[in-house]
């Protein structure tokens, strides 16, 4: 009995900036999630007082700025990068649904199509995560402005709620000394909506991340070995022609 030895071809796929963004983004999401959970469950954790509340929110916002900077750098890099570092190779486009149908059909035939970049399902997941991260960033910036008056919305929020004749810059977090209560009430609905969108977008992001990780582990073991190591080394070894070699 003879066994067929499959020849593997090495491809350089993920550039270093893409790999750095990927792992730094994951780290920042984990840190932000941890801080967010601590803020949500302060009473259960025995945390009380304005000083602790402000400290937690300040830490969350500072890490949030790093998250946004990392995301912005990835998007800017993706606009100018080529091959698998570009946004076009990462995000779903007009041909993604057609590619998804072909991918499903090949799987149904018992094939294991190999991809240099993300397979069509992976592209859809990446697109959904990017939309959610942008939504989380925008609502987070707004809440940073309404809660502790941090940029870019903080100064405009202070100006909108300050008492007539008072200095807007004198308004401090959780101190109503210079705050007009009626003006404050007028922004509360939008503040509350931004907070709810922020929290539920994070929950949905966790769900998609969990599904993405599960799908990668499954594909690593059943479809295309080397997916996880490629995000460390930047290289993939394929045993057949890549299905996305024309992209």
C-alpha atoms as a PDB file:
ATOM      1  CA  UNK A   1       0.000   0.000   0.000  1.00  0.00           C
ATOM      2  CA  UNK A   2       1.389   3.400  -1.003  1.00  0.00           C
ATOM      3  CA  UNK A   3       0.426   6.797   0.322  1.00  0.00           C
ATOM      4  CA  UNK A   4       0.489   9.995  -1.646  1.00  0.00           C
ATOM      5  CA  UNK A   5       2.941  12.578  -0.342  1.00  0.00           C
ATOM      6  CA  UNK A   6       1.508  16.038  -0.796  1.00  0.00           C
ATOM      7  CA  UNK A   7       3.947  18.819  -1.669  1.00  0.00           C
ATOM      8  CA  UNK A   8       3.459  21.982   0.355  1.00  0.00           C
ATOM      9  CA  UNK A   9       4.152  25.416  -1.072  1.00  0.00           C
ATOM     10  CA  UNK A  10       5.139  28.263   1.226  1.00  0.00           C
ATOM     11  CA  UNK A  11       3.481  31.669   0.821  1.00  0.00           C
ATOM     12  CA  UNK A  12       4.240  34.919   2.616  1.00  0.00           C
ATOM     13  CA  UNK A  13       0.781  36.186   3.546  1.00  0.00           C
ATOM     14  CA  UNK A  14       0.306  38.459   6.579  1.00  0.00           C
ATOM     15  CA  UNK A  15       2.671  41.463   6.754  1.00  0.00           C
ATOM     16  CA  UNK A  16       4.140  42.354  10.151  1.00  0.00           C
ATOM     17  CA  UNK A  17       1.866  45.422  10.663  1.00  0.00           C
ATOM     18  CA  UNK A  18      -1.227  43.225  10.149  1.00  0.00           C
ATOM     19  CA  UNK A  19      -0.015  40.681  12.700  1.00  0.00           C
ATOM     20  CA  UNK A  20       0.858  43.381  15.234  1.00  0.00           C
ATOM     21  CA  UNK A  21      -2.555  45.008  14.812  1.00  0.00           C
ATOM     22  CA  UNK A  22      -4.335  41.681  15.178  1.00  0.00           C
ATOM     23  CA  UNK A  23      -2.754  40.721  18.497  1.00  0.00           C
ATOM     24  CA  UNK A  24      -2.686  44.238  19.937  1.00  0.00           C
ATOM     25  CA  UNK A  25      -6.343  44.667  19.019  1.00  0.00           C
ATOM     26  CA  UNK A  26      -7.231  41.422  20.788  1.00  0.00           C
ATOM     27  CA  UNK A  27      -5.272  42.479  23.893  1.00  0.00           C
ATOM     28  CA  UNK A  28      -6.953  45.893  23.998  1.00  0.00           C
ATOM     29  CA  UNK A  29     -10.423  44.379  23.555  1.00  0.00           C
ATOM     30  CA  UNK A  30      -9.749  42.021  26.466  1.00  0.00           C
ATOM     31  CA  UNK A  31      -8.504  44.844  28.715  1.00  0.00           C
ATOM     32  CA  UNK A  32     -11.438  47.105  27.778  1.00  0.00           C
ATOM     33  CA  UNK A  33     -13.883  44.249  28.374  1.00  0.00           C
ATOM     34  CA  UNK A  34     -12.376  43.558  31.788  1.00  0.00           C
ATOM     35  CA  UNK A  35     -12.583  47.222  32.811  1.00  0.00           C
ATOM     36  CA  UNK A  36     -16.119  47.449  31.433  1.00  0.00           C
ATOM     37  CA  UNK A  37     -17.249  44.430  33.433  1.00  0.00           C
ATOM     38  CA  UNK A  38     -15.698  45.870  36.596  1.00  0.00           C
ATOM     39  CA  UNK A  39     -17.627  49.099  36.012  1.00  0.00           C
ATOM     40  CA  UNK A  40     -20.876  47.221  35.403  1.00  0.00           C
ATOM     41  CA  UNK A  41     -20.506  45.152  38.566  1.00  0.00           C
ATOM     42  CA  UNK A  42     -19.008  47.719  40.944  1.00  0.00           C
ATOM     43  CA  UNK A  43     -21.537  47.067  43.769  1.00  0.00           C
ATOM     44  CA  UNK A  44     -21.030  43.310  43.589  1.00  0.00           C
ATOM     45  CA  UNK A  45     -17.249  43.847  43.741  1.00  0.00           C
ATOM     46  CA  UNK A  46     -17.514  46.217  46.709  1.00  0.00           C
ATOM     47  CA  UNK A  47     -16.347  49.247  44.703  1.00  0.00           C
ATOM     48  CA  UNK A  48     -18.025  52.534  45.620  1.00  0.00           C
ATOM     49  CA  UNK A  49     -17.389  56.265  45.679  1.00  0.00           C
ATOM     50  CA  UNK A  50     -16.882  58.846  42.954  1.00  0.00           C
ATOM     51  CA  UNK A  51     -13.102  58.605  43.110  1.00  0.00           C
ATOM     52  CA  UNK A  52     -13.155  54.903  42.232  1.00  0.00           C
ATOM     53  CA  UNK A  53     -15.838  55.476  39.581  1.00  0.00           C
ATOM     54  CA  UNK A  54     -13.821  58.246  37.930  1.00  0.00           C
ATOM     55  CA  UNK A  55     -10.613  56.204  38.141  1.00  0.00           C
ATOM     56  CA  UNK A  56     -12.188  53.207  36.426  1.00  0.00           C
ATOM     57  CA  UNK A  57     -13.761  55.308  33.687  1.00  0.00           C
ATOM     58  CA  UNK A  58     -10.510  57.192  33.125  1.00  0.00           C
ATOM     59  CA  UNK A  59      -8.592  53.919  32.742  1.00  0.00           C
ATOM     60  CA  UNK A  60     -11.280  52.598  30.374  1.00  0.00           C
ATOM     61  CA  UNK A  61     -11.142  55.765  28.262  1.00  0.00           C
ATOM     62  CA  UNK A  62      -7.325  55.851  28.090  1.00  0.00           C
ATOM     63  CA  UNK A  63      -7.203  52.226  26.925  1.00  0.00           C
ATOM     64  CA  UNK A  64     -10.064  53.084  24.564  1.00  0.00           C
ATOM     65  CA  UNK A  65      -7.923  55.783  22.962  1.00  0.00           C
ATOM     66  CA  UNK A  66      -5.212  53.167  22.344  1.00  0.00           C
ATOM     67  CA  UNK A  67      -7.832  50.852  20.838  1.00  0.00           C
ATOM     68  CA  UNK A  68      -9.065  53.604  18.499  1.00  0.00           C
ATOM     69  CA  UNK A  69      -5.517  54.616  17.521  1.00  0.00           C
ATOM     70  CA  UNK A  70      -4.654  51.001  16.721  1.00  0.00           C
ATOM     71  CA  UNK A  71      -7.832  50.609  14.671  1.00  0.00           C
ATOM     72  CA  UNK A  72      -7.247  53.886  12.822  1.00  0.00           C
ATOM     73  CA  UNK A  73      -3.654  52.942  11.990  1.00  0.00           C
ATOM     74  CA  UNK A  74      -4.827  49.586  10.608  1.00  0.00           C
ATOM     75  CA  UNK A  75      -7.402  51.271   8.385  1.00  0.00           C
ATOM     76  CA  UNK A  76      -4.902  53.835   7.103  1.00  0.00           C
ATOM     77  CA  UNK A  77      -2.316  51.118   6.512  1.00  0.00           C
ATOM     78  CA  UNK A  78      -4.930  49.045   4.695  1.00  0.00           C
ATOM     79  CA  UNK A  79      -5.660  51.881   2.285  1.00  0.00           C
ATOM     80  CA  UNK A  80      -2.071  51.874   1.011  1.00  0.00           C
ATOM     81  CA  UNK A  81      -0.957  48.303   1.610  1.00  0.00           C
ATOM     82  CA  UNK A  82      -0.914  45.717  -1.142  1.00  0.00           C
ATOM     83  CA  UNK A  83      -1.876  42.066  -1.289  1.00  0.00           C
ATOM     84  CA  UNK A  84      -3.126  40.632   2.005  1.00  0.00           C
ATOM     85  CA  UNK A  85      -2.430  43.743   4.026  1.00  0.00           C
ATOM     86  CA  UNK A  86      -4.977  45.782   2.081  1.00  0.00           C
ATOM     87  CA  UNK A  87      -8.538  46.487   3.150  1.00  0.00           C
ATOM     88  CA  UNK A  88      -9.795  45.066  -0.133  1.00  0.00           C
ATOM     89  CA  UNK A  89      -8.318  41.662   0.653  1.00  0.00           C
ATOM     90  CA  UNK A  90      -9.606  41.703   4.218  1.00  0.00           C
ATOM     91  CA  UNK A  91     -13.177  42.972   3.901  1.00  0.00           C
ATOM     92  CA  UNK A  92     -16.157  41.495   2.050  1.00  0.00           C
ATOM     93  CA  UNK A  93     -16.975  43.003  -1.334  1.00  0.00           C
ATOM     94  CA  UNK A  94     -19.393  42.569  -4.254  1.00  0.00           C
ATOM     95  CA  UNK A  95     -17.950  39.155  -5.134  1.00  0.00           C
ATOM     96  CA  UNK A  96     -17.980  37.757  -1.591  1.00  0.00           C
ATOM     97  CA  UNK A  97     -21.453  36.195  -1.760  1.00  0.00           C
ATOM     98  CA  UNK A  98     -20.594  34.474  -5.043  1.00  0.00           C
ATOM     99  CA  UNK A  99     -17.339  33.240  -3.514  1.00  0.00           C
ATOM    100  CA  UNK A 100     -19.269  32.021  -0.471  1.00  0.00           C
ATOM    101  CA  UNK A 101     -21.619  29.950  -2.637  1.00  0.00           C
ATOM    102  CA  UNK A 102     -18.635  28.420  -4.445  1.00  0.00           C
ATOM    103  CA  UNK A 103     -16.922  27.740  -1.106  1.00  0.00           C
ATOM    104  CA  UNK A 104     -19.996  25.965   0.276  1.00  0.00           C
ATOM    105  CA  UNK A 105     -20.393  23.965  -2.922  1.00  0.00           C
ATOM    106  CA  UNK A 106     -16.786  22.768  -2.794  1.00  0.00           C
ATOM    107  CA  UNK A 107     -17.140  21.816   0.873  1.00  0.00           C
ATOM    108  CA  UNK A 108     -20.316  19.872   0.016  1.00  0.00           C
ATOM    109  CA  UNK A 109     -18.322  17.938  -2.603  1.00  0.00           C
ATOM    110  CA  UNK A 110     -15.827  16.923   0.066  1.00  0.00           C
ATOM    111  CA  UNK A 111     -13.117  19.315  -1.027  1.00  0.00           C
ATOM    112  CA  UNK A 112     -10.979  21.480   1.268  1.00  0.00           C
ATOM    113  CA  UNK A 113     -10.340  24.712  -0.633  1.00  0.00           C
ATOM    114  CA  UNK A 114      -7.196  26.525   0.489  1.00  0.00           C
ATOM    115  CA  UNK A 115      -6.990  30.297   0.905  1.00  0.00           C
ATOM    116  CA  UNK A 116      -4.054  32.636   1.176  1.00  0.00           C
ATOM    117  CA  UNK A 117      -6.185  35.213   2.963  1.00  0.00           C
ATOM    118  CA  UNK A 118      -9.534  34.784   4.660  1.00  0.00           C
ATOM    119  CA  UNK A 119     -12.101  32.434   3.211  1.00  0.00           C
ATOM    120  CA  UNK A 120     -15.495  34.028   2.356  1.00  0.00           C
ATOM    121  CA  UNK A 121     -16.966  33.256   5.790  1.00  0.00           C
ATOM    122  CA  UNK A 122     -13.922  34.792   7.429  1.00  0.00           C
ATOM    123  CA  UNK A 123     -14.305  37.967   5.373  1.00  0.00           C
ATOM    124  CA  UNK A 124     -17.911  38.349   6.483  1.00  0.00           C
ATOM    125  CA  UNK A 125     -16.855  37.912  10.116  1.00  0.00           C
ATOM    126  CA  UNK A 126     -14.056  40.468   9.752  1.00  0.00           C
ATOM    127  CA  UNK A 127     -16.456  42.944   8.146  1.00  0.00           C
ATOM    128  CA  UNK A 128     -18.993  42.526  10.942  1.00  0.00           C
ATOM    129  CA  UNK A 129     -16.313  42.934  13.626  1.00  0.00           C
ATOM    130  CA  UNK A 130     -14.980  46.089  11.976  1.00  0.00           C
ATOM    131  CA  UNK A 131     -18.447  47.676  11.853  1.00  0.00           C
ATOM    132  CA  UNK A 132     -19.003  46.820  15.506  1.00  0.00           C
ATOM    133  CA  UNK A 133     -15.589  48.136  16.570  1.00  0.00           C
ATOM    134  CA  UNK A 134     -16.228  51.438  14.791  1.00  0.00           C
ATOM    135  CA  UNK A 135     -19.645  51.692  16.471  1.00  0.00           C
ATOM    136  CA  UNK A 136     -18.111  50.871  19.856  1.00  0.00           C
ATOM    137  CA  UNK A 137     -15.390  53.483  19.315  1.00  0.00           C
ATOM    138  CA  UNK A 138     -17.844  56.243  18.355  1.00  0.00           C
ATOM    139  CA  UNK A 139     -20.274  55.608  21.201  1.00  0.00           C
ATOM    140  CA  UNK A 140     -17.379  55.182  23.609  1.00  0.00           C
ATOM    141  CA  UNK A 141     -15.966  58.576  22.660  1.00  0.00           C
ATOM    142  CA  UNK A 142     -19.370  60.171  23.186  1.00  0.00           C
ATOM    143  CA  UNK A 143     -19.771  58.583  26.624  1.00  0.00           C
ATOM    144  CA  UNK A 144     -16.229  59.650  27.517  1.00  0.00           C
ATOM    145  CA  UNK A 145     -17.369  63.198  26.787  1.00  0.00           C
ATOM    146  CA  UNK A 146     -20.607  62.991  28.773  1.00  0.00           C
ATOM    147  CA  UNK A 147     -19.235  61.055  31.761  1.00  0.00           C
ATOM    148  CA  UNK A 148     -15.804  62.534  32.459  1.00  0.00           C
ATOM    149  CA  UNK A 149     -15.643  65.297  29.791  1.00  0.00           C
ATOM    150  CA  UNK A 150     -12.761  63.828  27.800  1.00  0.00           C
ATOM    151  CA  UNK A 151     -12.036  64.755  24.139  1.00  0.00           C
ATOM    152  CA  UNK A 152     -13.278  64.986  21.501  1.00  0.00           C
ATOM    153  CA  UNK A 153     -16.806  65.687  22.818  1.00  0.00           C
ATOM    154  CA  UNK A 154     -16.058  66.717  26.401  1.00  0.00           C
ATOM    155  CA  UNK A 155     -15.707  70.471  25.929  1.00  0.00           C
ATOM    156  CA  UNK A 156     -18.844  70.708  23.789  1.00  0.00           C
ATOM    157  CA  UNK A 157     -20.812  68.705  26.388  1.00  0.00           C
ATOM    158  CA  UNK A 158     -19.586  71.020  29.147  1.00  0.00           C
ATOM    159  CA  UNK A 159     -20.628  74.042  27.093  1.00  0.00           C
ATOM    160  CA  UNK A 160     -24.058  72.513  26.497  1.00  0.00           C
ATOM    161  CA  UNK A 161     -24.873  71.881  30.163  1.00  0.00           C
ATOM    162  CA  UNK A 162     -23.128  74.741  31.993  1.00  0.00           C
ATOM    163  CA  UNK A 163     -25.139  77.186  34.079  1.00  0.00           C
ATOM    164  CA  UNK A 164     -25.584  80.622  32.531  1.00  0.00           C
ATOM    165  CA  UNK A 165     -22.651  82.840  33.404  1.00  0.00           C
ATOM    166  CA  UNK A 166     -20.468  79.986  34.680  1.00  0.00           C
ATOM    167  CA  UNK A 167     -17.209  78.736  33.186  1.00  0.00           C
ATOM    168  CA  UNK A 168     -17.856  75.482  31.286  1.00  0.00           C
ATOM    169  CA  UNK A 169     -14.295  74.288  31.950  1.00  0.00           C
ATOM    170  CA  UNK A 170     -15.040  74.373  35.688  1.00  0.00           C
ATOM    171  CA  UNK A 171     -17.466  71.444  35.381  1.00  0.00           C
ATOM    172  CA  UNK A 172     -15.990  68.296  36.923  1.00  0.00           C
ATOM    173  CA  UNK A 173     -17.124  64.646  36.657  1.00  0.00           C
ATOM    174  CA  UNK A 174     -20.012  63.804  39.000  1.00  0.00           C
ATOM    175  CA  UNK A 175     -20.067  67.355  40.382  1.00  0.00           C
ATOM    176  CA  UNK A 176     -23.210  69.366  39.580  1.00  0.00           C
ATOM    177  CA  UNK A 177     -21.972  72.667  41.033  1.00  0.00           C
ATOM    178  CA  UNK A 178     -21.842  74.411  37.662  1.00  0.00           C
ATOM    179  CA  UNK A 179     -24.323  72.179  35.816  1.00  0.00           C
ATOM    180  CA  UNK A 180     -27.758  73.364  34.685  1.00  0.00           C
ATOM    181  CA  UNK A 181     -30.105  70.485  35.538  1.00  0.00           C
ATOM    182  CA  UNK A 182     -32.547  71.245  32.710  1.00  0.00           C
ATOM    183  CA  UNK A 183     -29.761  71.356  30.148  1.00  0.00           C
ATOM    184  CA  UNK A 184     -28.363  68.122  31.573  1.00  0.00           C
ATOM    185  CA  UNK A 185     -31.767  66.433  31.274  1.00  0.00           C
ATOM    186  CA  UNK A 186     -31.908  67.391  27.591  1.00  0.00           C
ATOM    187  CA  UNK A 187     -28.831  65.295  26.728  1.00  0.00           C
ATOM    188  CA  UNK A 188     -29.673  62.313  28.929  1.00  0.00           C
ATOM    189  CA  UNK A 189     -31.735  60.422  26.266  1.00  0.00           C
ATOM    190  CA  UNK A 190     -28.849  60.520  23.768  1.00  0.00           C
ATOM    191  CA  UNK A 191     -26.360  59.672  26.508  1.00  0.00           C
ATOM    192  CA  UNK A 192     -28.447  56.686  27.556  1.00  0.00           C
ATOM    193  CA  UNK A 193     -28.886  55.511  23.951  1.00  0.00           C
ATOM    194  CA  UNK A 194     -25.140  55.759  23.283  1.00  0.00           C
ATOM    195  CA  UNK A 195     -24.464  53.753  26.432  1.00  0.00           C
ATOM    196  CA  UNK A 196     -26.893  50.976  25.474  1.00  0.00           C
ATOM    197  CA  UNK A 197     -25.546  50.772  21.923  1.00  0.00           C
ATOM    198  CA  UNK A 198     -22.000  50.668  23.293  1.00  0.00           C
ATOM    199  CA  UNK A 199     -22.699  47.810  25.713  1.00  0.00           C
ATOM    200  CA  UNK A 200     -24.773  45.652  23.363  1.00  0.00           C
ATOM    201  CA  UNK A 201     -22.345  46.180  20.488  1.00  0.00           C
ATOM    202  CA  UNK A 202     -19.606  44.839  22.774  1.00  0.00           C
ATOM    203  CA  UNK A 203     -21.741  41.795  23.637  1.00  0.00           C
ATOM    204  CA  UNK A 204     -22.309  41.140  19.932  1.00  0.00           C
ATOM    205  CA  UNK A 205     -18.602  41.606  19.231  1.00  0.00           C
ATOM    206  CA  UNK A 206     -17.764  38.991  21.874  1.00  0.00           C
ATOM    207  CA  UNK A 207     -20.214  36.598  20.243  1.00  0.00           C
ATOM    208  CA  UNK A 208     -18.708  37.059  16.778  1.00  0.00           C
ATOM    209  CA  UNK A 209     -15.162  36.777  18.153  1.00  0.00           C
ATOM    210  CA  UNK A 210     -16.082  33.508  19.886  1.00  0.00           C
ATOM    211  CA  UNK A 211     -17.640  32.171  16.669  1.00  0.00           C
ATOM    212  CA  UNK A 212     -14.594  33.339  14.687  1.00  0.00           C
ATOM    213  CA  UNK A 213     -12.175  31.580  17.049  1.00  0.00           C
ATOM    214  CA  UNK A 214     -14.256  28.390  16.958  1.00  0.00           C
ATOM    215  CA  UNK A 215     -14.365  28.513  13.140  1.00  0.00           C
ATOM    216  CA  UNK A 216     -10.588  29.035  12.903  1.00  0.00           C
ATOM    217  CA  UNK A 217      -9.894  26.105  15.245  1.00  0.00           C
ATOM    218  CA  UNK A 218     -12.278  23.897  13.247  1.00  0.00           C
ATOM    219  CA  UNK A 219     -10.750  24.935   9.918  1.00  0.00           C
ATOM    220  CA  UNK A 220      -7.245  24.467  11.342  1.00  0.00           C
ATOM    221  CA  UNK A 221      -8.047  20.851  12.178  1.00  0.00           C
ATOM    222  CA  UNK A 222     -10.371  19.895   9.325  1.00  0.00           C
ATOM    223  CA  UNK A 223      -9.820  22.178   6.332  1.00  0.00           C
ATOM    224  CA  UNK A 224      -6.557  24.094   6.232  1.00  0.00           C
ATOM    225  CA  UNK A 225      -3.772  23.497   8.773  1.00  0.00           C
ATOM    226  CA  UNK A 226      -1.538  26.416   9.705  1.00  0.00           C
ATOM    227  CA  UNK A 227      -4.136  29.162  10.000  1.00  0.00           C
ATOM    228  CA  UNK A 228      -3.253  30.042  13.580  1.00  0.00           C
ATOM    229  CA  UNK A 229       0.528  29.836  13.179  1.00  0.00           C
ATOM    230  CA  UNK A 230       0.282  32.085  10.106  1.00  0.00           C
ATOM    231  CA  UNK A 231      -0.904  34.964  12.290  1.00  0.00           C
ATOM    232  CA  UNK A 232       2.391  34.645  14.189  1.00  0.00           C
ATOM    233  CA  UNK A 233       4.807  33.869  11.376  1.00  0.00           C
ATOM    234  CA  UNK A 234       3.030  35.568   8.466  1.00  0.00           C
ATOM    235  CA  UNK A 235       3.496  32.420   6.344  1.00  0.00           C
ATOM    236  CA  UNK A 236       1.154  29.712   5.112  1.00  0.00           C
ATOM    237  CA  UNK A 237       1.945  26.318   3.591  1.00  0.00           C
ATOM    238  CA  UNK A 238      -0.672  25.131   1.110  1.00  0.00           C
ATOM    239  CA  UNK A 239      -1.015  21.690  -0.414  1.00  0.00           C
ATOM    240  CA  UNK A 240      -3.103  22.854  -3.367  1.00  0.00           C
ATOM    241  CA  UNK A 241      -3.561  25.953  -5.484  1.00  0.00           C
ATOM    242  CA  UNK A 242      -5.058  28.780  -3.414  1.00  0.00           C
ATOM    243  CA  UNK A 243      -8.679  29.530  -4.223  1.00  0.00           C
ATOM    244  CA  UNK A 244      -7.997  33.260  -3.935  1.00  0.00           C
ATOM    245  CA  UNK A 245      -4.755  33.346  -5.933  1.00  0.00           C
ATOM    246  CA  UNK A 246      -6.302  35.786  -8.407  1.00  0.00           C
ATOM    247  CA  UNK A 247      -6.894  38.415  -5.693  1.00  0.00           C
END
